[in-house]
Amino acid sequence: MTSKVLSLRIDGELFNRLSAHAAKRQMSVQDYVVRTLIRDDFDERFKASVEETERFYRLG
């Protein structure tokens, strides 16, 4: 998979909070943000999968 660049401008206070969270985990801010986005994406896909399974069994 090729990587892409995403540039965004965020408030200094938010960056400091992200940096503190990343430091607690001995991660870079970039790695922390990417990991958080991946986890959120997984949560959404998992939730959709559970809902689809529930609909399937209600119909059957």
PDB file of N, CA and C in Angstrom:
ATOM      1  N   MET A   1       0.850  -1.171   0.000  1.00  0.00           N
ATOM      2  CA  MET A   1       0.000   0.000   0.000  1.00  0.00           C
ATOM      3  C   MET A   1       0.897   1.236   0.000  1.00  0.00           C
ATOM      4  N   THR A   2       0.557   2.182  -0.849  1.00  0.00           N
ATOM      5  CA  THR A   2       1.323   3.420  -0.864  1.00  0.00           C
ATOM      6  C   THR A   2       0.754   4.374   0.171  1.00  0.00           C
ATOM      7  N   SER A   3       1.619   5.183   0.691  1.00  0.00           N
ATOM      8  CA  SER A   3       1.139   6.144   1.686  1.00  0.00           C
ATOM      9  C   SER A   3       0.839   7.472   1.000  1.00  0.00           C
ATOM     10  N   LYS A   4      -0.030   8.217   1.607  1.00  0.00           N
ATOM     11  CA  LYS A   4      -0.424   9.547   1.130  1.00  0.00           C
ATOM     12  C   LYS A   4      -0.154  10.542   2.239  1.00  0.00           C
ATOM     13  N   VAL A   5      -0.097  11.782   1.891  1.00  0.00           N
ATOM     14  CA  VAL A   5       0.143  12.843   2.860  1.00  0.00           C
ATOM     15  C   VAL A   5      -1.156  13.584   3.128  1.00  0.00           C
ATOM     16  N   LEU A   6      -1.462  13.770   4.392  1.00  0.00           N
ATOM     17  CA  LEU A   6      -2.616  14.560   4.812  1.00  0.00           C
ATOM     18  C   LEU A   6      -2.075  15.674   5.693  1.00  0.00           C
ATOM     19  N   SER A   7      -2.322  16.870   5.282  1.00  0.00           N
ATOM     20  CA  SER A   7      -1.866  18.022   6.053  1.00  0.00           C
ATOM     21  C   SER A   7      -3.083  18.728   6.608  1.00  0.00           C
ATOM     22  N   LEU A   8      -3.044  19.033   7.889  1.00  0.00           N
ATOM     23  CA  LEU A   8      -4.163  19.763   8.465  1.00  0.00           C
ATOM     24  C   LEU A   8      -3.675  20.745   9.504  1.00  0.00           C
ATOM     25  N   ARG A   9      -4.478  21.749   9.679  1.00  0.00           N
ATOM     26  CA  ARG A   9      -4.158  22.800  10.634  1.00  0.00           C
ATOM     27  C   ARG A   9      -5.066  22.596  11.841  1.00  0.00           C
ATOM     28  N   ILE A  10      -4.465  22.474  13.024  1.00  0.00           N
ATOM     29  CA  ILE A  10      -5.259  22.285  14.235  1.00  0.00           C
ATOM     30  C   ILE A  10      -4.826  23.296  15.294  1.00  0.00           C
ATOM     31  N   ASP A  11      -5.689  23.502  16.220  1.00  0.00           N
ATOM     32  CA  ASP A  11      -5.450  24.411  17.330  1.00  0.00           C
ATOM     33  C   ASP A  11      -4.232  23.947  18.126  1.00  0.00           C
ATOM     34  N   GLY A  12      -3.445  24.871  18.620  1.00  0.00           N
ATOM     35  CA  GLY A  12      -2.257  24.550  19.397  1.00  0.00           C
ATOM     36  C   GLY A  12      -2.559  23.738  20.645  1.00  0.00           C
ATOM     37  N   GLU A  13      -3.666  24.047  21.300  1.00  0.00           N
ATOM     38  CA  GLU A  13      -4.050  23.317  22.514  1.00  0.00           C
ATOM     39  C   GLU A  13      -4.363  21.857  22.188  1.00  0.00           C
ATOM     40  N   LEU A  14      -5.080  21.637  21.087  1.00  0.00           N
ATOM     41  CA  LEU A  14      -5.389  20.265  20.668  1.00  0.00           C
ATOM     42  C   LEU A  14      -4.108  19.513  20.327  1.00  0.00           C
ATOM     43  N   PHE A  15      -3.193  20.170  19.623  1.00  0.00           N
ATOM     44  CA  PHE A  15      -1.928  19.515  19.297  1.00  0.00           C
ATOM     45  C   PHE A  15      -1.174  19.131  20.564  1.00  0.00           C
ATOM     46  N   ASN A  16      -1.169  20.006  21.545  1.00  0.00           N
ATOM     47  CA  ASN A  16      -0.482  19.702  22.803  1.00  0.00           C
ATOM     48  C   ASN A  16      -1.110  18.493  23.501  1.00  0.00           C
ATOM     49  N   ARG A  17      -2.445  18.404  23.471  1.00  0.00           N
ATOM     50  CA  ARG A  17      -3.112  17.250  24.071  1.00  0.00           C
ATOM     51  C   ARG A  17      -2.776  15.974  23.312  1.00  0.00           C
ATOM     52  N   LEU A  18      -2.800  16.041  21.975  1.00  0.00           N
ATOM     53  CA  LEU A  18      -2.423  14.872  21.176  1.00  0.00           C
ATOM     54  C   LEU A  18      -0.983  14.459  21.466  1.00  0.00           C
ATOM     55  N   SER A  19      -0.125  15.433  21.569  1.00  0.00           N
ATOM     56  CA  SER A  19       1.281  15.168  21.849  1.00  0.00           C
ATOM     57  C   SER A  19       1.458  14.502  23.214  1.00  0.00           C
ATOM     58  N   ALA A  20       0.703  14.957  24.203  1.00  0.00           N
ATOM     59  CA  ALA A  20       0.787  14.360  25.539  1.00  0.00           C
ATOM     60  C   ALA A  20       0.289  12.915  25.522  1.00  0.00           C
ATOM     61  N   HIS A  21      -0.826  12.659  24.831  1.00  0.00           N
ATOM     62  CA  HIS A  21      -1.345  11.287  24.718  1.00  0.00           C
ATOM     63  C   HIS A  21      -0.331  10.389  24.014  1.00  0.00           C
ATOM     64  N   ALA A  22       0.258  10.905  22.947  1.00  0.00           N
ATOM     65  CA  ALA A  22       1.250  10.129  22.194  1.00  0.00           C
ATOM     66  C   ALA A  22       2.476   9.841  23.062  1.00  0.00           C
ATOM     67  N   ALA A  23       2.934  10.829  23.808  1.00  0.00           N
ATOM     68  CA  ALA A  23       4.112  10.649  24.653  1.00  0.00           C
ATOM     69  C   ALA A  23       3.883   9.585  25.722  1.00  0.00           C
ATOM     70  N   LYS A  24       2.684   9.534  26.276  1.00  0.00           N
ATOM     71  CA  LYS A  24       2.376   8.515  27.281  1.00  0.00           C
ATOM     72  C   LYS A  24       2.542   7.113  26.716  1.00  0.00           C
ATOM     73  N   ARG A  25       2.316   6.993  25.412  1.00  0.00           N
ATOM     74  CA  ARG A  25       2.413   5.687  24.748  1.00  0.00           C
ATOM     75  C   ARG A  25       3.733   5.519  24.004  1.00  0.00           C
ATOM     76  N   GLN A  26       4.624   6.472  24.210  1.00  0.00           N
ATOM     77  CA  GLN A  26       5.936   6.490  23.549  1.00  0.00           C
ATOM     78  C   GLN A  26       5.779   6.389  22.031  1.00  0.00           C
ATOM     79  N   MET A  27       4.880   7.215  21.506  1.00  0.00           N
ATOM     80  CA  MET A  27       4.600   7.258  20.080  1.00  0.00           C
ATOM     81  C   MET A  27       4.776   8.679  19.571  1.00  0.00           C
ATOM     82  N   SER A  28       4.950   8.791  18.252  1.00  0.00           N
ATOM     83  CA  SER A  28       4.924  10.113  17.644  1.00  0.00           C
ATOM     84  C   SER A  28       3.471  10.561  17.541  1.00  0.00           C
ATOM     85  N   VAL A  29       3.267  11.849  17.387  1.00  0.00           N
ATOM     86  CA  VAL A  29       1.911  12.357  17.224  1.00  0.00           C
ATOM     87  C   VAL A  29       1.298  11.754  15.963  1.00  0.00           C
ATOM     88  N   GLN A  30       2.072  11.649  14.898  1.00  0.00           N
ATOM     89  CA  GLN A  30       1.572  11.062  13.654  1.00  0.00           C
ATOM     90  C   GLN A  30       1.099   9.630  13.877  1.00  0.00           C
ATOM     91  N   ASP A  31       1.920   8.816  14.521  1.00  0.00           N
ATOM     92  CA  ASP A  31       1.537   7.426  14.771  1.00  0.00           C
ATOM     93  C   ASP A  31       0.304   7.336  15.669  1.00  0.00           C
ATOM     94  N   TYR A  32       0.235   8.208  16.662  1.00  0.00           N
ATOM     95  CA  TYR A  32      -0.921   8.207  17.563  1.00  0.00           C
ATOM     96  C   TYR A  32      -2.207   8.545  16.809  1.00  0.00           C
ATOM     97  N   VAL A  33      -2.166   9.568  15.964  1.00  0.00           N
ATOM     98  CA  VAL A  33      -3.351   9.976  15.212  1.00  0.00           C
ATOM     99  C   VAL A  33      -3.761   8.876  14.237  1.00  0.00           C
ATOM    100  N   VAL A  34      -2.809   8.290  13.526  1.00  0.00           N
ATOM    101  CA  VAL A  34      -3.130   7.224  12.581  1.00  0.00           C
ATOM    102  C   VAL A  34      -3.735   6.032  13.319  1.00  0.00           C
ATOM    103  N   ARG A  35      -3.148   5.652  14.442  1.00  0.00           N
ATOM    104  CA  ARG A  35      -3.682   4.531  15.221  1.00  0.00           C
ATOM    105  C   ARG A  35      -5.104   4.813  15.687  1.00  0.00           C
ATOM    106  N   THR A  36      -5.363   6.039  16.114  1.00  0.00           N
ATOM    107  CA  THR A  36      -6.696   6.425  16.563  1.00  0.00           C
ATOM    108  C   THR A  36      -7.695   6.361  15.413  1.00  0.00           C
ATOM    109  N   LEU A  37      -7.299   6.817  14.236  1.00  0.00           N
ATOM    110  CA  LEU A  37      -8.186   6.763  13.078  1.00  0.00           C
ATOM    111  C   LEU A  37      -8.462   5.320  12.660  1.00  0.00           C
ATOM    112  N   ILE A  38      -7.455   4.482  12.703  1.00  0.00           N
ATOM    113  CA  ILE A  38      -7.639   3.069  12.359  1.00  0.00           C
ATOM    114  C   ILE A  38      -8.596   2.411  13.336  1.00  0.00           C
ATOM    115  N   ARG A  39      -8.421   2.684  14.624  1.00  0.00           N
ATOM    116  CA  ARG A  39      -9.300   2.103  15.643  1.00  0.00           C
ATOM    117  C   ARG A  39     -10.737   2.572  15.428  1.00  0.00           C
ATOM    118  N   ASP A  40     -10.930   3.847  15.143  1.00  0.00           N
ATOM    119  CA  ASP A  40     -12.267   4.374  14.916  1.00  0.00           C
ATOM    120  C   ASP A  40     -12.895   3.736  13.681  1.00  0.00           C
ATOM    121  N   ASP A  41     -12.116   3.571  12.631  1.00  0.00           N
ATOM    122  CA  ASP A  41     -12.610   2.933  11.409  1.00  0.00           C
ATOM    123  C   ASP A  41     -13.017   1.493  11.695  1.00  0.00           C
ATOM    124  N   PHE A  42     -12.200   0.774  12.469  1.00  0.00           N
ATOM    125  CA  PHE A  42     -12.537  -0.603  12.829  1.00  0.00           C
ATOM    126  C   PHE A  42     -13.831  -0.642  13.627  1.00  0.00           C
ATOM    127  N   ASP A  43     -13.966   0.252  14.594  1.00  0.00           N
ATOM    128  CA  ASP A  43     -15.177   0.293  15.420  1.00  0.00           C
ATOM    129  C   ASP A  43     -16.418   0.490  14.565  1.00  0.00           C
ATOM    130  N   GLU A  44     -16.344   1.379  13.572  1.00  0.00           N
ATOM    131  CA  GLU A  44     -17.486   1.632  12.696  1.00  0.00           C
ATOM    132  C   GLU A  44     -17.809   0.399  11.857  1.00  0.00           C
ATOM    133  N   ARG A  45     -16.779  -0.247  11.296  1.00  0.00           N
ATOM    134  CA  ARG A  45     -17.013  -1.437  10.472  1.00  0.00           C
ATOM    135  C   ARG A  45     -17.543  -2.583  11.323  1.00  0.00           C
ATOM    136  N   PHE A  46     -17.047  -2.724  12.545  1.00  0.00           N
ATOM    137  CA  PHE A  46     -17.519  -3.784  13.437  1.00  0.00           C
ATOM    138  C   PHE A  46     -18.983  -3.556  13.797  1.00  0.00           C
ATOM    139  N   LYS A  47     -19.326  -2.310  14.121  1.00  0.00           N
ATOM    140  CA  LYS A  47     -20.701  -1.976  14.466  1.00  0.00           C
ATOM    141  C   LYS A  47     -21.627  -2.293  13.293  1.00  0.00           C
ATOM    142  N   ALA A  48     -21.234  -1.930  12.082  1.00  0.00           N
ATOM    143  CA  ALA A  48     -22.056  -2.210  10.902  1.00  0.00           C
ATOM    144  C   ALA A  48     -22.216  -3.706  10.704  1.00  0.00           C
ATOM    145  N   SER A  49     -21.165  -4.456  10.950  1.00  0.00           N
ATOM    146  CA  SER A  49     -21.221  -5.910  10.805  1.00  0.00           C
ATOM    147  C   SER A  49     -22.179  -6.528  11.819  1.00  0.00           C
ATOM    148  N   VAL A  50     -22.132  -6.074  13.045  1.00  0.00           N
ATOM    149  CA  VAL A  50     -23.033  -6.576  14.090  1.00  0.00           C
ATOM    150  C   VAL A  50     -24.478  -6.251  13.732  1.00  0.00           C
ATOM    151  N   GLU A  51     -24.717  -5.030  13.277  1.00  0.00           N
ATOM    152  CA  GLU A  51     -26.078  -4.642  12.913  1.00  0.00           C
ATOM    153  C   GLU A  51     -26.595  -5.492  11.752  1.00  0.00           C
ATOM    154  N   GLU A  52     -25.762  -5.763  10.769  1.00  0.00           N
ATOM    155  CA  GLU A  52     -26.159  -6.591   9.630  1.00  0.00           C
ATOM    156  C   GLU A  52     -26.466  -8.014  10.088  1.00  0.00           C
ATOM    157  N   THR A  53     -25.666  -8.543  10.980  1.00  0.00           N
ATOM    158  CA  THR A  53     -25.904  -9.891  11.509  1.00  0.00           C
ATOM    159  C   THR A  53     -27.222  -9.939  12.270  1.00  0.00           C
ATOM    160  N   GLU A  54     -27.497  -8.919  13.071  1.00  0.00           N
ATOM    161  CA  GLU A  54     -28.753  -8.873  13.816  1.00  0.00           C
ATOM    162  C   GLU A  54     -29.949  -8.816  12.860  1.00  0.00           C
ATOM    163  N   ARG A  55     -29.837  -8.021  11.801  1.00  0.00           N
ATOM    164  CA  ARG A  55     -30.925  -7.945  10.817  1.00  0.00           C
ATOM    165  C   ARG A  55     -31.131  -9.299  10.132  1.00  0.00           C
ATOM    166  N   PHE A  56     -30.050  -9.975   9.813  1.00  0.00           N
ATOM    167  CA  PHE A  56     -30.118 -11.278   9.154  1.00  0.00           C
ATOM    168  C   PHE A  56     -30.881 -12.295  10.007  1.00  0.00           C
ATOM    169  N   TYR A  57     -30.536 -12.346  11.287  1.00  0.00           N
ATOM    170  CA  TYR A  57     -31.166 -13.329  12.156  1.00  0.00           C
ATOM    171  C   TYR A  57     -32.610 -12.975  12.516  1.00  0.00           C
ATOM    172  N   ARG A  58     -32.959 -11.707  12.481  1.00  0.00           N
ATOM    173  CA  ARG A  58     -34.349 -11.308  12.719  1.00  0.00           C
ATOM    174  C   ARG A  58     -35.243 -11.698  11.545  1.00  0.00           C
ATOM    175  N   LEU A  59     -34.685 -11.683  10.354  1.00  0.00           N
ATOM    176  CA  LEU A  59     -35.462 -12.026   9.154  1.00  0.00           C
ATOM    177  C   LEU A  59     -35.592 -13.527   8.969  1.00  0.00           C
ATOM    178  N   GLY A  60     -34.640 -14.280   9.523  1.00  0.00           N
ATOM    179  CA  GLY A  60     -34.616 -15.726   9.284  1.00  0.00           C
ATOM    180  C   GLY A  60     -35.394 -16.530  10.209  1.00  0.00           C
TER     181      GLY A  60
END
